[in-house]
PDB file of N, CA and C in Angstrom:
ATOM      1  N   MET A   1    -223.063  73.895-145.676  1.00  0.00           N
ATOM      2  CA  MET A   1    -222.502  72.763-146.182  1.00  0.00           C
ATOM      3  C   MET A   1    -222.251  71.844-145.374  1.00  0.00           C
ATOM      4  N   ALA A   2    -222.928  70.674-146.058  1.00  0.00           N
ATOM      5  CA  ALA A   2    -223.042  69.192-145.447  1.00  0.00           C
ATOM      6  C   ALA A   2    -221.544  68.298-145.780  1.00  0.00           C
ATOM      7  N   LYS A   3    -221.294  67.500-145.212  1.00  0.00           N
ATOM      8  CA  LYS A   3    -219.941  66.424-145.943  1.00  0.00           C
ATOM      9  C   LYS A   3    -220.878  65.013-146.269  1.00  0.00           C
ATOM     10  N   TRP A   4    -220.198  64.445-147.133  1.00  0.00           N
ATOM     11  CA  TRP A   4    -220.665  62.721-147.175  1.00  0.00           C
ATOM     12  C   TRP A   4    -219.516  62.296-147.624  1.00  0.00           C
ATOM     13  N   LEU A   5    -219.797  60.972-147.501  1.00  0.00           N
ATOM     14  CA  LEU A   5    -219.033  59.829-147.645  1.00  0.00           C
ATOM     15  C   LEU A   5    -219.844  58.954-149.028  1.00  0.00           C
ATOM     16  N   VAL A   6    -218.712  58.751-150.196  1.00  0.00           N
ATOM     17  CA  VAL A   6    -219.374  58.032-151.334  1.00  0.00           C
ATOM     18  C   VAL A   6    -218.041  56.854-151.536  1.00  0.00           C
ATOM     19  N   LYS A   7    -218.667  55.563-151.588  1.00  0.00           N
ATOM     20  CA  LYS A   7    -218.013  54.563-152.003  1.00  0.00           C
ATOM     21  C   LYS A   7    -217.833  54.451-153.403  1.00  0.00           C
ATOM     22  N   SER A   8    -216.641  54.061-153.978  1.00  0.00           N
ATOM     23  CA  SER A   8    -216.541  53.846-155.536  1.00  0.00           C
ATOM     24  C   SER A   8    -215.291  53.307-155.751  1.00  0.00           C
ATOM     25  N   GLU A   9    -215.480  52.156-156.709  1.00  0.00           N
ATOM     26  CA  GLU A   9    -214.249  51.218-157.149  1.00  0.00           C
ATOM     27  C   GLU A   9    -213.444  52.291-158.016  1.00  0.00           C
ATOM     28  N   PRO A  10    -212.308  52.271-157.909  1.00  0.00           N
ATOM     29  CA  PRO A  10    -211.307  53.044-158.362  1.00  0.00           C
ATOM     30  C   PRO A  10    -211.261  52.914-160.083  1.00  0.00           C
ATOM     31  N   SER A  11    -211.397  51.352-160.590  1.00  0.00           N
ATOM     32  CA  SER A  11    -211.461  51.205-162.077  1.00  0.00           C
ATOM     33  C   SER A  11    -212.739  51.880-162.391  1.00  0.00           C
ATOM     34  N   GLU A  12    -213.994  52.190-161.715  1.00  0.00           N
ATOM     35  CA  GLU A  12    -214.999  52.936-161.981  1.00  0.00           C
ATOM     36  C   GLU A  12    -215.292  54.590-162.257  1.00  0.00           C
ATOM     37  N   CYS A  13    -214.817  54.712-161.011  1.00  0.00           N
ATOM     38  CA  CYS A  13    -214.714  56.398-160.746  1.00  0.00           C
ATOM     39  C   CYS A  13    -213.968  56.655-159.690  1.00  0.00           C
ATOM     40  N   GLY A  14    -212.379  56.496-160.006  1.00  0.00           N
ATOM     41  CA  GLY A  14    -211.565  56.944-158.783  1.00  0.00           C
ATOM     42  C   GLY A  14    -210.928  58.301-158.872  1.00  0.00           C
ATOM     43  N   ILE A  15    -210.195  58.403-157.682  1.00  0.00           N
ATOM     44  CA  ILE A  15    -209.720  59.748-157.600  1.00  0.00           C
ATOM     45  C   ILE A  15    -209.032  60.256-158.577  1.00  0.00           C
ATOM     46  N   GLU A  16    -208.171  59.626-159.258  1.00  0.00           N
ATOM     47  CA  GLU A  16    -207.683  59.946-160.582  1.00  0.00           C
ATOM     48  C   GLU A  16    -208.150  60.497-161.786  1.00  0.00           C
ATOM     49  N   ASP A  17    -209.553  60.075-161.826  1.00  0.00           N
ATOM     50  CA  ASP A  17    -210.543  60.293-162.769  1.00  0.00           C
ATOM     51  C   ASP A  17    -210.810  62.020-162.426  1.00  0.00           C
ATOM     52  N   PHE A  18    -211.098  62.275-161.131  1.00  0.00           N
ATOM     53  CA  PHE A  18    -211.153  63.533-160.563  1.00  0.00           C
ATOM     54  C   PHE A  18    -209.830  64.725-160.914  1.00  0.00           C
ATOM     55  N   VAL A  19    -208.987  63.897-161.018  1.00  0.00           N
ATOM     56  CA  VAL A  19    -207.374  64.577-160.887  1.00  0.00           C
ATOM     57  C   VAL A  19    -207.720  64.895-162.328  1.00  0.00           C
ATOM     58  N   LEU A  20    -207.837  64.249-163.169  1.00  0.00           N
ATOM     59  CA  LEU A  20    -207.297  64.102-164.807  1.00  0.00           C
ATOM     60  C   LEU A  20    -208.722  64.946-165.267  1.00  0.00           C
ATOM     61  N   SER A  21    -209.657  65.313-164.694  1.00  0.00           N
ATOM     62  CA  SER A  21    -210.666  65.950-165.333  1.00  0.00           C
ATOM     63  C   SER A  21    -210.983  67.502-164.364  1.00  0.00           C
ATOM     64  N   ALA A  22    -209.720  68.010-163.932  1.00  0.00           N
ATOM     65  CA  ALA A  22    -209.910  69.150-163.298  1.00  0.00           C
ATOM     66  C   ALA A  22    -210.679  70.275-164.148  1.00  0.00           C
ATOM     67  N   GLY A  23    -211.359  71.172-163.411  1.00  0.00           N
ATOM     68  CA  GLY A  23    -212.383  71.937-164.045  1.00  0.00           C
ATOM     69  C   GLY A  23    -213.527  71.435-164.597  1.00  0.00           C
ATOM     70  N   GLN A  24    -213.427  70.188-164.636  1.00  0.00           N
ATOM     71  CA  GLN A  24    -214.739  69.553-165.409  1.00  0.00           C
ATOM     72  C   GLN A  24    -215.465  68.817-164.411  1.00  0.00           C
ATOM     73  N   SER A  25    -216.723  68.542-164.674  1.00  0.00           N
ATOM     74  CA  SER A  25    -217.490  67.797-163.745  1.00  0.00           C
ATOM     75  C   SER A  25    -217.536  66.301-164.140  1.00  0.00           C
ATOM     76  N   ILE A  26    -217.692  65.332-163.328  1.00  0.00           N
ATOM     77  CA  ILE A  26    -218.108  63.733-163.593  1.00  0.00           C
ATOM     78  C   ILE A  26    -219.355  63.709-163.149  1.00  0.00           C
ATOM     79  N   PRO A  27    -220.245  62.811-164.105  1.00  0.00           N
ATOM     80  CA  PRO A  27    -221.223  62.624-163.440  1.00  0.00           C
ATOM     81  C   PRO A  27    -221.529  61.290-162.887  1.00  0.00           C
ATOM     82  N   TRP A  28    -222.248  61.215-161.872  1.00  0.00           N
ATOM     83  CA  TRP A  28    -222.309  60.275-160.670  1.00  0.00           C
ATOM     84  C   TRP A  28    -223.538  59.551-160.953  1.00  0.00           C
ATOM     85  N   ASP A  29    -223.503  58.572-162.075  1.00  0.00           N
ATOM     86  CA  ASP A  29    -224.671  57.824-162.571  1.00  0.00           C
ATOM     87  C   ASP A  29    -224.507  56.466-162.105  1.00  0.00           C
ATOM     88  N   GLY A  30    -225.729  55.596-162.516  1.00  0.00           N
ATOM     89  CA  GLY A  30    -225.481  54.177-162.333  1.00  0.00           C
ATOM     90  C   GLY A  30    -225.669  53.637-160.815  1.00  0.00           C
ATOM     91  N   VAL A  31    -225.922  54.571-159.673  1.00  0.00           N
ATOM     92  CA  VAL A  31    -226.557  54.082-158.441  1.00  0.00           C
ATOM     93  C   VAL A  31    -227.646  53.398-158.526  1.00  0.00           C
ATOM     94  N   ARG A  32    -227.993  52.223-158.199  1.00  0.00           N
ATOM     95  CA  ARG A  32    -229.205  51.647-157.846  1.00  0.00           C
ATOM     96  C   ARG A  32    -229.581  51.247-156.756  1.00  0.00           C
ATOM     97  N   ASN A  33    -229.080  51.565-155.784  1.00  0.00           N
ATOM     98  CA  ASN A  33    -229.513  51.301-154.132  1.00  0.00           C
ATOM     99  C   ASN A  33    -229.847  52.591-153.860  1.00  0.00           C
ATOM    100  N   TYR A  34    -231.092  52.349-153.500  1.00  0.00           N
ATOM    101  CA  TYR A  34    -232.086  53.366-153.221  1.00  0.00           C
ATOM    102  C   TYR A  34    -231.883  54.447-151.897  1.00  0.00           C
ATOM    103  N   GLN A  35    -231.318  53.720-150.802  1.00  0.00           N
ATOM    104  CA  GLN A  35    -230.731  54.699-149.942  1.00  0.00           C
ATOM    105  C   GLN A  35    -229.436  55.228-150.182  1.00  0.00           C
ATOM    106  N   ALA A  36    -228.716  54.831-150.937  1.00  0.00           N
ATOM    107  CA  ALA A  36    -227.786  55.784-151.805  1.00  0.00           C
ATOM    108  C   ALA A  36    -228.089  56.972-152.732  1.00  0.00           C
ATOM    109  N   ARG A  37    -229.405  56.814-153.575  1.00  0.00           N
ATOM    110  CA  ARG A  37    -229.933  57.284-154.242  1.00  0.00           C
ATOM    111  C   ARG A  37    -230.531  58.482-153.501  1.00  0.00           C
ATOM    112  N   ASN A  38    -231.220  58.198-152.396  1.00  0.00           N
ATOM    113  CA  ASN A  38    -231.773  59.238-151.439  1.00  0.00           C
ATOM    114  C   ASN A  38    -230.737  60.531-151.134  1.00  0.00           C
ATOM    115  N   PHE A  39    -229.600  59.645-150.676  1.00  0.00           N
ATOM    116  CA  PHE A  39    -228.622  60.906-150.110  1.00  0.00           C
ATOM    117  C   PHE A  39    -228.060  61.472-151.129  1.00  0.00           C
ATOM    118  N   LEU A  40    -227.920  60.969-152.345  1.00  0.00           N
ATOM    119  CA  LEU A  40    -227.576  61.817-153.570  1.00  0.00           C
ATOM    120  C   LEU A  40    -228.345  63.017-153.678  1.00  0.00           C
ATOM    121  N   ALA A  41    -229.836  62.666-153.521  1.00  0.00           N
ATOM    122  CA  ALA A  41    -230.690  63.764-153.829  1.00  0.00           C
ATOM    123  C   ALA A  41    -230.544  65.202-152.965  1.00  0.00           C
ATOM    124  N   GLN A  42    -230.001  64.470-151.606  1.00  0.00           N
ATOM    125  CA  GLN A  42    -229.806  65.596-150.603  1.00  0.00           C
ATOM    126  C   GLN A  42    -228.590  66.463-150.668  1.00  0.00           C
ATOM    127  N   MET A  43    -227.910  65.698-151.593  1.00  0.00           N
ATOM    128  CA  MET A  43    -226.492  66.751-151.857  1.00  0.00           C
ATOM    129  C   MET A  43    -226.927  67.807-152.448  1.00  0.00           C
ATOM    130  N   SER A  44    -225.890  68.952-152.163  1.00  0.00           N
ATOM    131  CA  SER A  44    -226.134  70.283-152.698  1.00  0.00           C
ATOM    132  C   SER A  44    -225.007  70.926-153.112  1.00  0.00           C
ATOM    133  N   GLU A  45    -224.720  71.951-154.341  1.00  0.00           N
ATOM    134  CA  GLU A  45    -223.837  72.304-154.704  1.00  0.00           C
ATOM    135  C   GLU A  45    -222.923  72.984-153.564  1.00  0.00           C
ATOM    136  N   GLY A  46    -221.455  72.673-153.570  1.00  0.00           N
ATOM    137  CA  GLY A  46    -220.952  73.255-152.577  1.00  0.00           C
ATOM    138  C   GLY A  46    -220.510  72.451-151.587  1.00  0.00           C
ATOM    139  N   ASP A  47    -221.039  71.388-151.176  1.00  0.00           N
ATOM    140  CA  ASP A  47    -220.935  70.165-150.231  1.00  0.00           C
ATOM    141  C   ASP A  47    -219.692  69.101-150.209  1.00  0.00           C
ATOM    142  N   ASP A  48    -218.756  68.896-149.464  1.00  0.00           N
ATOM    143  CA  ASP A  48    -217.833  68.329-149.421  1.00  0.00           C
ATOM    144  C   ASP A  48    -218.329  66.632-149.758  1.00  0.00           C
ATOM    145  N   VAL A  49    -217.442  66.154-150.421  1.00  0.00           N
ATOM    146  CA  VAL A  49    -217.660  64.150-150.737  1.00  0.00           C
ATOM    147  C   VAL A  49    -216.147  63.878-150.379  1.00  0.00           C
ATOM    148  N   PHE A  50    -216.308  63.184-149.562  1.00  0.00           N
ATOM    149  CA  PHE A  50    -215.186  61.899-149.194  1.00  0.00           C
ATOM    150  C   PHE A  50    -215.333  60.855-150.082  1.00  0.00           C
ATOM    151  N   LEU A  51    -214.351  60.652-151.139  1.00  0.00           N
ATOM    152  CA  LEU A  51    -214.282  59.535-152.111  1.00  0.00           C
ATOM    153  C   LEU A  51    -213.704  58.373-151.382  1.00  0.00           C
ATOM    154  N   TYR A  52    -214.202  57.382-150.959  1.00  0.00           N
ATOM    155  CA  TYR A  52    -214.093  56.216-150.596  1.00  0.00           C
ATOM    156  C   TYR A  52    -213.509  55.296-151.540  1.00  0.00           C
ATOM    157  N   HIS A  53    -212.436  54.507-151.740  1.00  0.00           N
ATOM    158  CA  HIS A  53    -212.217  53.504-152.581  1.00  0.00           C
ATOM    159  C   HIS A  53    -212.202  52.032-151.887  1.00  0.00           C
ATOM    160  N   SER A  54    -212.872  51.276-152.406  1.00  0.00           N
ATOM    161  CA  SER A  54    -212.967  49.576-152.092  1.00  0.00           C
ATOM    162  C   SER A  54    -212.475  48.782-153.113  1.00  0.00           C
ATOM    163  N   SER A  55    -212.415  47.363-152.921  1.00  0.00           N
ATOM    164  CA  SER A  55    -212.118  46.527-153.876  1.00  0.00           C
ATOM    165  C   SER A  55    -210.789  46.781-154.418  1.00  0.00           C
ATOM    166  N   CYS A  56    -209.810  47.175-153.553  1.00  0.00           N
ATOM    167  CA  CYS A  56    -208.548  47.964-154.355  1.00  0.00           C
ATOM    168  C   CYS A  56    -207.106  47.632-153.175  1.00  0.00           C
ATOM    169  N   ALA A  57    -206.435  47.592-153.905  1.00  0.00           N
ATOM    170  CA  ALA A  57    -205.037  47.563-152.878  1.00  0.00           C
ATOM    171  C   ALA A  57    -205.066  48.450-151.845  1.00  0.00           C
ATOM    172  N   GLN A  58    -205.443  49.766-151.917  1.00  0.00           N
ATOM    173  CA  GLN A  58    -204.972  50.550-150.899  1.00  0.00           C
ATOM    174  C   GLN A  58    -206.999  51.070-150.714  1.00  0.00           C
ATOM    175  N   ILE A  59    -207.495  50.312-149.475  1.00  0.00           N
ATOM    176  CA  ILE A  59    -208.704  50.435-149.289  1.00  0.00           C
ATOM    177  C   ILE A  59    -209.060  51.926-148.256  1.00  0.00           C
ATOM    178  N   GLY A  60    -209.807  52.925-148.594  1.00  0.00           N
ATOM    179  CA  GLY A  60    -210.023  53.876-147.458  1.00  0.00           C
ATOM    180  C   GLY A  60    -210.180  55.126-148.311  1.00  0.00           C
ATOM    181  N   ILE A  61    -210.294  56.315-147.637  1.00  0.00           N
ATOM    182  CA  ILE A  61    -210.598  57.466-148.031  1.00  0.00           C
ATOM    183  C   ILE A  61    -209.594  58.229-149.438  1.00  0.00           C
ATOM    184  N   ALA A  62    -209.702  58.170-150.193  1.00  0.00           N
ATOM    185  CA  ALA A  62    -208.577  58.865-151.456  1.00  0.00           C
ATOM    186  C   ALA A  62    -208.642  59.938-151.390  1.00  0.00           C
ATOM    187  N   GLY A  63    -209.541  60.675-151.331  1.00  0.00           N
ATOM    188  CA  GLY A  63    -209.829  62.541-151.496  1.00  0.00           C
ATOM    189  C   GLY A  63    -211.050  62.980-151.205  1.00  0.00           C
ATOM    190  N   VAL A  64    -211.416  64.215-151.525  1.00  0.00           N
ATOM    191  CA  VAL A  64    -212.101  65.064-151.399  1.00  0.00           C
ATOM    192  C   VAL A  64    -212.410  65.824-152.432  1.00  0.00           C
ATOM    193  N   VAL A  65    -213.802  65.771-152.759  1.00  0.00           N
ATOM    194  CA  VAL A  65    -214.111  66.624-154.049  1.00  0.00           C
ATOM    195  C   VAL A  65    -215.562  67.096-153.359  1.00  0.00           C
ATOM    196  N   THR A  66    -215.945  68.082-154.451  1.00  0.00           N
ATOM    197  CA  THR A  66    -216.638  69.053-154.357  1.00  0.00           C
ATOM    198  C   THR A  66    -218.139  68.615-155.192  1.00  0.00           C
ATOM    199  N   VAL A  67    -219.051  68.821-154.557  1.00  0.00           N
ATOM    200  CA  VAL A  67    -220.562  68.835-155.475  1.00  0.00           C
ATOM    201  C   VAL A  67    -220.607  69.964-156.373  1.00  0.00           C
ATOM    202  N   VAL A  68    -220.733  69.973-157.550  1.00  0.00           N
ATOM    203  CA  VAL A  68    -220.869  71.255-158.490  1.00  0.00           C
ATOM    204  C   VAL A  68    -222.332  71.348-158.686  1.00  0.00           C
ATOM    205  N   ARG A  69    -222.944  70.241-158.737  1.00  0.00           N
ATOM    206  CA  ARG A  69    -224.510  70.045-159.373  1.00  0.00           C
ATOM    207  C   ARG A  69    -225.457  69.575-158.452  1.00  0.00           C
ATOM    208  N   GLY A  70    -226.714  70.090-158.343  1.00  0.00           N
ATOM    209  CA  GLY A  70    -227.696  69.509-157.733  1.00  0.00           C
ATOM    210  C   GLY A  70    -227.871  67.971-158.210  1.00  0.00           C
ATOM    211  N   ALA A  71    -228.781  67.115-157.231  1.00  0.00           N
ATOM    212  CA  ALA A  71    -229.252  66.024-158.102  1.00  0.00           C
ATOM    213  C   ALA A  71    -230.332  66.134-159.223  1.00  0.00           C
ATOM    214  N   TYR A  72    -230.168  65.251-160.316  1.00  0.00           N
ATOM    215  CA  TYR A  72    -230.947  65.005-161.617  1.00  0.00           C
ATOM    216  C   TYR A  72    -231.141  63.818-161.962  1.00  0.00           C
ATOM    217  N   PRO A  73    -232.084  63.452-162.606  1.00  0.00           N
ATOM    218  CA  PRO A  73    -232.524  62.135-162.882  1.00  0.00           C
ATOM    219  C   PRO A  73    -231.163  61.342-163.797  1.00  0.00           C
ATOM    220  N   ASP A  74    -231.086  60.250-163.625  1.00  0.00           N
ATOM    221  CA  ASP A  74    -229.989  59.167-163.779  1.00  0.00           C
ATOM    222  C   ASP A  74    -230.153  59.091-165.252  1.00  0.00           C
ATOM    223  N   PRO A  75    -229.362  59.378-166.293  1.00  0.00           N
ATOM    224  CA  PRO A  75    -229.805  59.188-167.844  1.00  0.00           C
ATOM    225  C   PRO A  75    -229.209  57.758-168.060  1.00  0.00           C
ATOM    226  N   THR A  76    -228.805  57.063-167.245  1.00  0.00           N
ATOM    227  CA  THR A  76    -228.648  55.320-167.339  1.00  0.00           C
ATOM    228  C   THR A  76    -229.307  54.553-166.786  1.00  0.00           C
ATOM    229  N   GLN A  77    -230.714  54.866-166.434  1.00  0.00           N
ATOM    230  CA  GLN A  77    -231.623  54.369-165.205  1.00  0.00           C
ATOM    231  C   GLN A  77    -232.402  53.438-166.308  1.00  0.00           C
ATOM    232  N   PHE A  78    -232.591  53.455-167.463  1.00  0.00           N
ATOM    233  CA  PHE A  78    -233.430  52.842-168.277  1.00  0.00           C
ATOM    234  C   PHE A  78    -232.649  51.818-169.238  1.00  0.00           C
ATOM    235  N   GLN A  79    -231.167  52.136-169.206  1.00  0.00           N
ATOM    236  CA  GLN A  79    -230.244  51.160-170.036  1.00  0.00           C
ATOM    237  C   GLN A  79    -230.384  49.582-169.370  1.00  0.00           C
ATOM    238  N   PRO A  80    -230.650  48.512-169.949  1.00  0.00           N
ATOM    239  CA  PRO A  80    -230.832  47.072-169.691  1.00  0.00           C
ATOM    240  C   PRO A  80    -229.555  46.569-168.770  1.00  0.00           C
ATOM    241  N   ASP A  81    -228.491  47.035-169.387  1.00  0.00           N
ATOM    242  CA  ASP A  81    -226.952  46.579-169.040  1.00  0.00           C
ATOM    243  C   ASP A  81    -226.547  47.319-167.865  1.00  0.00           C
TER     244      ASP A  81
END
């Protein structure tokens, strides 16, 4: 089992979103940075992920979540916005 660090803005996908969706998965889409996408592709089911919040009042690790599915093509990749 690997451990990962991912950054997210709380307004986009924050730890509260994971708490509110307990028992359901949240897709991690919209990643456009090549290196970040390479790391996402290496994540496996069961890996721990430290969720780092930036651009907010309390910057830092907000919580730990678990990968529930391996990488898949981003359904938003061809959306112009």
